Amino acid sequence: MRNQRLEAFLQARFDYDTCEPTHRVRYEANLLAPAAELLAVYQRSSGQALTVEELFQITSEAYHEYRGAQVRLQQSRINRIR
């Protein structure tokens, strides 16, 4: 089962990590919105609050896998163009 909120967060994190330095502020805002949503859902379901830093730590393995998949996808698109 896919978690759309988590996927949106992972995509926003990937976009932030791979954006041009001049666009960091805009992508940071795009990252913090899904992060806040995930944090709110977690707090409602568990009764415990997390910080953004803790969210990044908890999702680091999922992000590593997501980033690898995105890089492979981009590479396959580039190879198709050649």
PDB file of N, CA and C in Angstrom:
ATOM      1  N   MET A   1       0.840  -1.184   0.000  1.00  0.00           N
ATOM      2  CA  MET A   1       0.000   0.000   0.000  1.00  0.00           C
ATOM      3  C   MET A   1       0.883   1.243   0.000  1.00  0.00           C
ATOM      4  N   ARG A   2       0.590   2.146  -0.879  1.00  0.00           N
ATOM      5  CA  ARG A   2       1.397   3.356  -1.006  1.00  0.00           C
ATOM      6  C   ARG A   2       0.888   4.432  -0.063  1.00  0.00           C
ATOM      7  N   ASN A   3       1.824   5.167   0.489  1.00  0.00           N
ATOM      8  CA  ASN A   3       1.491   6.294   1.350  1.00  0.00           C
ATOM      9  C   ASN A   3       1.756   7.562   0.545  1.00  0.00           C
ATOM     10  N   GLN A   4       0.691   8.178   0.083  1.00  0.00           N
ATOM     11  CA  GLN A   4       0.827   9.341  -0.805  1.00  0.00           C
ATOM     12  C   GLN A   4       1.503  10.515  -0.107  1.00  0.00           C
ATOM     13  N   ARG A   5       1.236  10.682   1.192  1.00  0.00           N
ATOM     14  CA  ARG A   5       1.886  11.785   1.921  1.00  0.00           C
ATOM     15  C   ARG A   5       3.391  11.568   1.992  1.00  0.00           C
ATOM     16  N   LEU A   6       3.788  10.334   2.268  1.00  0.00           N
ATOM     17  CA  LEU A   6       5.217  10.027   2.337  1.00  0.00           C
ATOM     18  C   LEU A   6       5.865  10.207   0.968  1.00  0.00           C
ATOM     19  N   GLU A   7       5.209   9.745  -0.073  1.00  0.00           N
ATOM     20  CA  GLU A   7       5.763   9.906  -1.420  1.00  0.00           C
ATOM     21  C   GLU A   7       5.905  11.379  -1.796  1.00  0.00           C
ATOM     22  N   ALA A   8       4.921  12.191  -1.427  1.00  0.00           N
ATOM     23  CA  ALA A   8       4.999  13.629  -1.710  1.00  0.00           C
ATOM     24  C   ALA A   8       6.179  14.245  -0.964  1.00  0.00           C
ATOM     25  N   PHE A   9       6.378  13.828   0.275  1.00  0.00           N
ATOM     26  CA  PHE A   9       7.510  14.319   1.069  1.00  0.00           C
ATOM     27  C   PHE A   9       8.835  13.890   0.443  1.00  0.00           C
ATOM     28  N   LEU A  10       8.934  12.620   0.059  1.00  0.00           N
ATOM     29  CA  LEU A  10      10.182  12.118  -0.537  1.00  0.00           C
ATOM     30  C   LEU A  10      10.480  12.828  -1.855  1.00  0.00           C
ATOM     31  N   GLN A  11       9.444  13.062  -2.668  1.00  0.00           N
ATOM     32  CA  GLN A  11       9.632  13.787  -3.931  1.00  0.00           C
ATOM     33  C   GLN A  11      10.087  15.215  -3.668  1.00  0.00           C
ATOM     34  N   ALA A  12       9.480  15.871  -2.702  1.00  0.00           N
ATOM     35  CA  ALA A  12       9.859  17.248  -2.371  1.00  0.00           C
ATOM     36  C   ALA A  12      11.296  17.297  -1.851  1.00  0.00           C
ATOM     37  N   ARG A  13      11.668  16.295  -1.070  1.00  0.00           N
ATOM     38  CA  ARG A  13      13.048  16.238  -0.555  1.00  0.00           C
ATOM     39  C   ARG A  13      14.037  16.023  -1.695  1.00  0.00           C
ATOM     40  N   PHE A  14      13.687  15.144  -2.618  1.00  0.00           N
ATOM     41  CA  PHE A  14      14.541  14.895  -3.777  1.00  0.00           C
ATOM     42  C   PHE A  14      14.670  16.167  -4.615  1.00  0.00           C
ATOM     43  N   ASP A  15      13.543  16.835  -4.849  1.00  0.00           N
ATOM     44  CA  ASP A  15      13.577  18.081  -5.629  1.00  0.00           C
ATOM     45  C   ASP A  15      14.472  19.119  -4.952  1.00  0.00           C
ATOM     46  N   TYR A  16      14.374  19.213  -3.636  1.00  0.00           N
ATOM     47  CA  TYR A  16      15.197  20.164  -2.886  1.00  0.00           C
ATOM     48  C   TYR A  16      16.675  19.797  -2.999  1.00  0.00           C
ATOM     49  N   ASP A  17      16.979  18.528  -2.826  1.00  0.00           N
ATOM     50  CA  ASP A  17      18.377  18.091  -2.866  1.00  0.00           C
ATOM     51  C   ASP A  17      19.011  18.246  -4.237  1.00  0.00           C
ATOM     52  N   THR A  18      18.203  18.210  -5.286  1.00  0.00           N
ATOM     53  CA  THR A  18      18.764  18.240  -6.640  1.00  0.00           C
ATOM     54  C   THR A  18      18.531  19.562  -7.370  1.00  0.00           C
ATOM     55  N   CYS A  19      17.939  20.536  -6.704  1.00  0.00           N
ATOM     56  CA  CYS A  19      17.654  21.807  -7.379  1.00  0.00           C
ATOM     57  C   CYS A  19      18.913  22.674  -7.463  1.00  0.00           C
ATOM     58  N   GLU A  20      18.824  23.672  -8.324  1.00  0.00           N
ATOM     59  CA  GLU A  20      19.896  24.647  -8.427  1.00  0.00           C
ATOM     60  C   GLU A  20      19.973  25.430  -7.119  1.00  0.00           C
ATOM     61  N   PRO A  21      21.166  25.774  -6.678  1.00  0.00           N
ATOM     62  CA  PRO A  21      21.296  26.522  -5.418  1.00  0.00           C
ATOM     63  C   PRO A  21      20.472  27.809  -5.377  1.00  0.00           C
ATOM     64  N   THR A  22      20.288  28.438  -6.510  1.00  0.00           N
ATOM     65  CA  THR A  22      19.521  29.683  -6.539  1.00  0.00           C
ATOM     66  C   THR A  22      18.029  29.461  -6.291  1.00  0.00           C
ATOM     67  N   HIS A  23      17.565  28.224  -6.386  1.00  0.00           N
ATOM     68  CA  HIS A  23      16.155  27.901  -6.184  1.00  0.00           C
ATOM     69  C   HIS A  23      15.877  27.266  -4.826  1.00  0.00           C
ATOM     70  N   ARG A  24      16.858  27.203  -3.960  1.00  0.00           N
ATOM     71  CA  ARG A  24      16.724  26.518  -2.670  1.00  0.00           C
ATOM     72  C   ARG A  24      15.568  27.037  -1.824  1.00  0.00           C
ATOM     73  N   VAL A  25      15.390  28.341  -1.770  1.00  0.00           N
ATOM     74  CA  VAL A  25      14.347  28.908  -0.909  1.00  0.00           C
ATOM     75  C   VAL A  25      12.967  28.406  -1.345  1.00  0.00           C
ATOM     76  N   ARG A  26      12.718  28.429  -2.637  1.00  0.00           N
ATOM     77  CA  ARG A  26      11.421  27.977  -3.154  1.00  0.00           C
ATOM     78  C   ARG A  26      11.223  26.488  -2.887  1.00  0.00           C
ATOM     79  N   TYR A  27      12.243  25.683  -3.131  1.00  0.00           N
ATOM     80  CA  TYR A  27      12.114  24.248  -2.921  1.00  0.00           C
ATOM     81  C   TYR A  27      12.050  23.888  -1.432  1.00  0.00           C
ATOM     82  N   GLU A  28      12.662  24.714  -0.594  1.00  0.00           N
ATOM     83  CA  GLU A  28      12.557  24.477   0.842  1.00  0.00           C
ATOM     84  C   GLU A  28      11.113  24.656   1.301  1.00  0.00           C
ATOM     85  N   ALA A  29      10.449  25.664   0.790  1.00  0.00           N
ATOM     86  CA  ALA A  29       9.037  25.869   1.128  1.00  0.00           C
ATOM     87  C   ALA A  29       8.203  24.690   0.638  1.00  0.00           C
ATOM     88  N   ASN A  30       8.522  24.182  -0.555  1.00  0.00           N
ATOM     89  CA  ASN A  30       7.815  23.019  -1.096  1.00  0.00           C
ATOM     90  C   ASN A  30       8.093  21.755  -0.292  1.00  0.00           C
ATOM     91  N   LEU A  31       9.210  21.698   0.387  1.00  0.00           N
ATOM     92  CA  LEU A  31       9.563  20.550   1.223  1.00  0.00           C
ATOM     93  C   LEU A  31       8.897  20.638   2.592  1.00  0.00           C
ATOM     94  N   LEU A  32       8.830  21.821   3.145  1.00  0.00           N
ATOM     95  CA  LEU A  32       8.300  21.964   4.499  1.00  0.00           C
ATOM     96  C   LEU A  32       6.796  21.720   4.576  1.00  0.00           C
ATOM     97  N   ALA A  33       6.067  21.991   3.508  1.00  0.00           N
ATOM     98  CA  ALA A  33       4.618  21.766   3.526  1.00  0.00           C
ATOM     99  C   ALA A  33       4.270  20.281   3.696  1.00  0.00           C
ATOM    100  N   PRO A  34       4.806  19.372   2.871  1.00  0.00           N
ATOM    101  CA  PRO A  34       4.482  17.957   3.099  1.00  0.00           C
ATOM    102  C   PRO A  34       5.098  17.418   4.392  1.00  0.00           C
ATOM    103  N   ALA A  35       6.213  17.990   4.826  1.00  0.00           N
ATOM    104  CA  ALA A  35       6.802  17.577   6.100  1.00  0.00           C
ATOM    105  C   ALA A  35       5.850  17.915   7.240  1.00  0.00           C
ATOM    106  N   ALA A  36       5.291  19.112   7.211  1.00  0.00           N
ATOM    107  CA  ALA A  36       4.349  19.520   8.259  1.00  0.00           C
ATOM    108  C   ALA A  36       3.111  18.637   8.247  1.00  0.00           C
ATOM    109  N   GLU A  37       2.668  18.264   7.068  1.00  0.00           N
ATOM    110  CA  GLU A  37       1.497  17.386   6.960  1.00  0.00           C
ATOM    111  C   GLU A  37       1.793  16.015   7.561  1.00  0.00           C
ATOM    112  N   LEU A  38       2.935  15.452   7.244  1.00  0.00           N
ATOM    113  CA  LEU A  38       3.321  14.154   7.824  1.00  0.00           C
ATOM    114  C   LEU A  38       3.443  14.247   9.340  1.00  0.00           C
ATOM    115  N   LEU A  39       4.037  15.314   9.823  1.00  0.00           N
ATOM    116  CA  LEU A  39       4.194  15.487  11.267  1.00  0.00           C
ATOM    117  C   LEU A  39       2.837  15.591  11.957  1.00  0.00           C
ATOM    118  N   ALA A  40       1.903  16.289  11.338  1.00  0.00           N
ATOM    119  CA  ALA A  40       0.565  16.429  11.917  1.00  0.00           C
ATOM    120  C   ALA A  40      -0.158  15.090  11.953  1.00  0.00           C
ATOM    121  N   VAL A  41      -0.053  14.321  10.893  1.00  0.00           N
ATOM    122  CA  VAL A  41      -0.687  12.998  10.845  1.00  0.00           C
ATOM    123  C   VAL A  41      -0.080  12.094  11.912  1.00  0.00           C
ATOM    124  N   TYR A  42       1.233  12.126  12.046  1.00  0.00           N
ATOM    125  CA  TYR A  42       1.896  11.297  13.051  1.00  0.00           C
ATOM    126  C   TYR A  42       1.435  11.688  14.451  1.00  0.00           C
ATOM    127  N   GLN A  43       1.369  12.971  14.701  1.00  0.00           N
ATOM    128  CA  GLN A  43       0.965  13.419  16.040  1.00  0.00           C
ATOM    129  C   GLN A  43      -0.478  13.020  16.337  1.00  0.00           C
ATOM    130  N   ARG A  44      -1.357  13.152  15.355  1.00  0.00           N
ATOM    131  CA  ARG A  44      -2.756  12.758  15.567  1.00  0.00           C
ATOM    132  C   ARG A  44      -2.884  11.259  15.829  1.00  0.00           C
ATOM    133  N   SER A  45      -2.109  10.461  15.114  1.00  0.00           N
ATOM    134  CA  SER A  45      -2.253   9.011  15.244  1.00  0.00           C
ATOM    135  C   SER A  45      -1.522   8.440  16.455  1.00  0.00           C
ATOM    136  N   SER A  46      -0.412   9.055  16.850  1.00  0.00           N
ATOM    137  CA  SER A  46       0.381   8.495  17.951  1.00  0.00           C
ATOM    138  C   SER A  46       0.276   9.289  19.242  1.00  0.00           C
ATOM    139  N   GLY A  47      -0.146  10.531  19.123  1.00  0.00           N
ATOM    140  CA  GLY A  47      -0.193  11.391  20.300  1.00  0.00           C
ATOM    141  C   GLY A  47       1.164  11.963  20.671  1.00  0.00           C
ATOM    142  N   GLN A  48       2.163  11.714  19.843  1.00  0.00           N
ATOM    143  CA  GLN A  48       3.522  12.211  20.094  1.00  0.00           C
ATOM    144  C   GLN A  48       3.928  13.163  18.977  1.00  0.00           C
ATOM    145  N   ALA A  49       4.690  14.161  19.355  1.00  0.00           N
ATOM    146  CA  ALA A  49       5.178  15.134  18.374  1.00  0.00           C
ATOM    147  C   ALA A  49       6.594  14.765  17.934  1.00  0.00           C
ATOM    148  N   LEU A  50       6.891  15.045  16.686  1.00  0.00           N
ATOM    149  CA  LEU A  50       8.236  14.885  16.138  1.00  0.00           C
ATOM    150  C   LEU A  50       8.709  16.229  15.622  1.00  0.00           C
ATOM    151  N   THR A  51      10.014  16.399  15.561  1.00  0.00           N
ATOM    152  CA  THR A  51      10.580  17.574  14.909  1.00  0.00           C
ATOM    153  C   THR A  51      10.834  17.238  13.441  1.00  0.00           C
ATOM    154  N   VAL A  52      11.063  18.258  12.651  1.00  0.00           N
ATOM    155  CA  VAL A  52      11.400  18.040  11.243  1.00  0.00           C
ATOM    156  C   VAL A  52      12.681  17.215  11.142  1.00  0.00           C
ATOM    157  N   GLU A  53      13.642  17.501  12.006  1.00  0.00           N
ATOM    158  CA  GLU A  53      14.905  16.752  11.989  1.00  0.00           C
ATOM    159  C   GLU A  53      14.663  15.270  12.272  1.00  0.00           C
ATOM    160  N   GLU A  54      13.785  14.974  13.226  1.00  0.00           N
ATOM    161  CA  GLU A  54      13.469  13.576  13.525  1.00  0.00           C
ATOM    162  C   GLU A  54      12.765  12.916  12.344  1.00  0.00           C
ATOM    163  N   LEU A  55      11.903  13.662  11.668  1.00  0.00           N
ATOM    164  CA  LEU A  55      11.242  13.124  10.481  1.00  0.00           C
ATOM    165  C   LEU A  55      12.274  12.764   9.419  1.00  0.00           C
ATOM    166  N   PHE A  56      13.252  13.628   9.213  1.00  0.00           N
ATOM    167  CA  PHE A  56      14.311  13.338   8.243  1.00  0.00           C
ATOM    168  C   PHE A  56      15.080  12.081   8.638  1.00  0.00           C
ATOM    169  N   GLN A  57      15.369  11.919   9.913  1.00  0.00           N
ATOM    170  CA  GLN A  57      16.082  10.727  10.387  1.00  0.00           C
ATOM    171  C   GLN A  57      15.252   9.467  10.182  1.00  0.00           C
ATOM    172  N   ILE A  58      13.985   9.540  10.558  1.00  0.00           N
ATOM    173  CA  ILE A  58      13.106   8.375  10.457  1.00  0.00           C
ATOM    174  C   ILE A  58      12.914   7.940   9.010  1.00  0.00           C
ATOM    175  N   THR A  59      12.875   8.887   8.101  1.00  0.00           N
ATOM    176  CA  THR A  59      12.616   8.571   6.696  1.00  0.00           C
ATOM    177  C   THR A  59      13.889   8.456   5.865  1.00  0.00           C
ATOM    178  N   SER A  60      15.046   8.467   6.507  1.00  0.00           N
ATOM    179  CA  SER A  60      16.304   8.479   5.740  1.00  0.00           C
ATOM    180  C   SER A  60      16.476   7.231   4.874  1.00  0.00           C
ATOM    181  N   GLU A  61      16.102   6.068   5.373  1.00  0.00           N
ATOM    182  CA  GLU A  61      16.248   4.843   4.575  1.00  0.00           C
ATOM    183  C   GLU A  61      15.286   4.864   3.386  1.00  0.00           C
ATOM    184  N   ALA A  62      14.040   5.259   3.641  1.00  0.00           N
ATOM    185  CA  ALA A  62      13.061   5.353   2.557  1.00  0.00           C
ATOM    186  C   ALA A  62      13.524   6.374   1.519  1.00  0.00           C
ATOM    187  N   TYR A  63      14.110   7.482   1.989  1.00  0.00           N
ATOM    188  CA  TYR A  63      14.585   8.502   1.059  1.00  0.00           C
ATOM    189  C   TYR A  63      15.761   7.982   0.235  1.00  0.00           C
ATOM    190  N   HIS A  64      16.648   7.255   0.865  1.00  0.00           N
ATOM    191  CA  HIS A  64      17.797   6.696   0.143  1.00  0.00           C
ATOM    192  C   HIS A  64      17.301   5.792  -0.994  1.00  0.00           C
ATOM    193  N   GLU A  65      16.332   4.947  -0.712  1.00  0.00           N
ATOM    194  CA  GLU A  65      15.770   4.064  -1.739  1.00  0.00           C
ATOM    195  C   GLU A  65      15.058   4.869  -2.817  1.00  0.00           C
ATOM    196  N   TYR A  66      14.298   5.870  -2.398  1.00  0.00           N
ATOM    197  CA  TYR A  66      13.561   6.710  -3.349  1.00  0.00           C
ATOM    198  C   TYR A  66      14.530   7.458  -4.260  1.00  0.00           C
ATOM    199  N   ARG A  67      15.562   8.039  -3.672  1.00  0.00           N
ATOM    200  CA  ARG A  67      16.541   8.791  -4.448  1.00  0.00           C
ATOM    201  C   ARG A  67      17.223   7.889  -5.476  1.00  0.00           C
ATOM    202  N   GLY A  68      17.603   6.691  -5.059  1.00  0.00           N
ATOM    203  CA  GLY A  68      18.230   5.745  -5.989  1.00  0.00           C
ATOM    204  C   GLY A  68      17.314   5.404  -7.148  1.00  0.00           C
ATOM    205  N   ALA A  69      16.039   5.194  -6.856  1.00  0.00           N
ATOM    206  CA  ALA A  69      15.075   4.884  -7.911  1.00  0.00           C
ATOM    207  C   ALA A  69      14.911   6.062  -8.859  1.00  0.00           C
ATOM    208  N   GLN A  70      14.878   7.275  -8.326  1.00  0.00           N
ATOM    209  CA  GLN A  70      14.734   8.465  -9.174  1.00  0.00           C
ATOM    210  C   GLN A  70      15.958   8.659 -10.061  1.00  0.00           C
ATOM    211  N   VAL A  71      17.127   8.440  -9.508  1.00  0.00           N
ATOM    212  CA  VAL A  71      18.360   8.574 -10.291  1.00  0.00           C
ATOM    213  C   VAL A  71      18.373   7.543 -11.416  1.00  0.00           C
ATOM    214  N   ARG A  72      17.992   6.298 -11.109  1.00  0.00           N
ATOM    215  CA  ARG A  72      17.941   5.263 -12.148  1.00  0.00           C
ATOM    216  C   ARG A  72      16.914   5.618 -13.218  1.00  0.00           C
ATOM    217  N   LEU A  73      15.773   6.151 -12.811  1.00  0.00           N
ATOM    218  CA  LEU A  73      14.745   6.548 -13.758  1.00  0.00           C
ATOM    219  C   LEU A  73      15.247   7.661 -14.668  1.00  0.00           C
ATOM    220  N   GLN A  74      15.900   8.653 -14.103  1.00  0.00           N
ATOM    221  CA  GLN A  74      16.445   9.745 -14.910  1.00  0.00           C
ATOM    222  C   GLN A  74      17.513   9.230 -15.864  1.00  0.00           C
ATOM    223  N   GLN A  75      18.340   8.315 -15.391  1.00  0.00           N
ATOM    224  CA  GLN A  75      19.387   7.761 -16.248  1.00  0.00           C
ATOM    225  C   GLN A  75      18.788   6.978 -17.402  1.00  0.00           C
ATOM    226  N   SER A  76      17.739   6.219 -17.149  1.00  0.00           N
ATOM    227  CA  SER A  76      17.119   5.460 -18.232  1.00  0.00           C
ATOM    228  C   SER A  76      16.476   6.391 -19.252  1.00  0.00           C
ATOM    229  N   ARG A  77      15.935   7.510 -18.800  1.00  0.00           N
ATOM    230  CA  ARG A  77      15.371   8.499 -19.743  1.00  0.00           C
ATOM    231  C   ARG A  77      16.455   9.103 -20.604  1.00  0.00           C
ATOM    232  N   ILE A  78      17.592   9.392 -20.003  1.00  0.00           N
ATOM    233  CA  ILE A  78      18.713   9.958 -20.757  1.00  0.00           C
ATOM    234  C   ILE A  78      19.220   8.955 -21.774  1.00  0.00           C
ATOM    235  N   ASN A  79      19.317   7.692 -21.383  1.00  0.00           N
ATOM    236  CA  ASN A  79      19.802   6.656 -22.295  1.00  0.00           C
ATOM    237  C   ASN A  79      18.856   6.447 -23.470  1.00  0.00           C
ATOM    238  N   ARG A  80      17.550   6.605 -23.263  1.00  0.00           N
ATOM    239  CA  ARG A  80      16.584   6.451 -24.345  1.00  0.00           C
ATOM    240  C   ARG A  80      16.746   7.558 -25.379  1.00  0.00           C
ATOM    241  N   ILE A  81      17.131   8.747 -24.918  1.00  0.00           N
ATOM    242  CA  ILE A  81      17.276   9.876 -25.828  1.00  0.00           C
ATOM    243  C   ILE A  81      18.496   9.680 -26.724  1.00  0.00           C
ATOM    244  N   ARG A  82      19.509   9.064 -26.213  1.00  0.00           N
ATOM    245  CA  ARG A  82      20.752   8.869 -26.984  1.00  0.00           C
ATOM    246  C   ARG A  82      20.516   7.952 -28.086  1.00  0.00           C
TER     247      ARG A  82
END
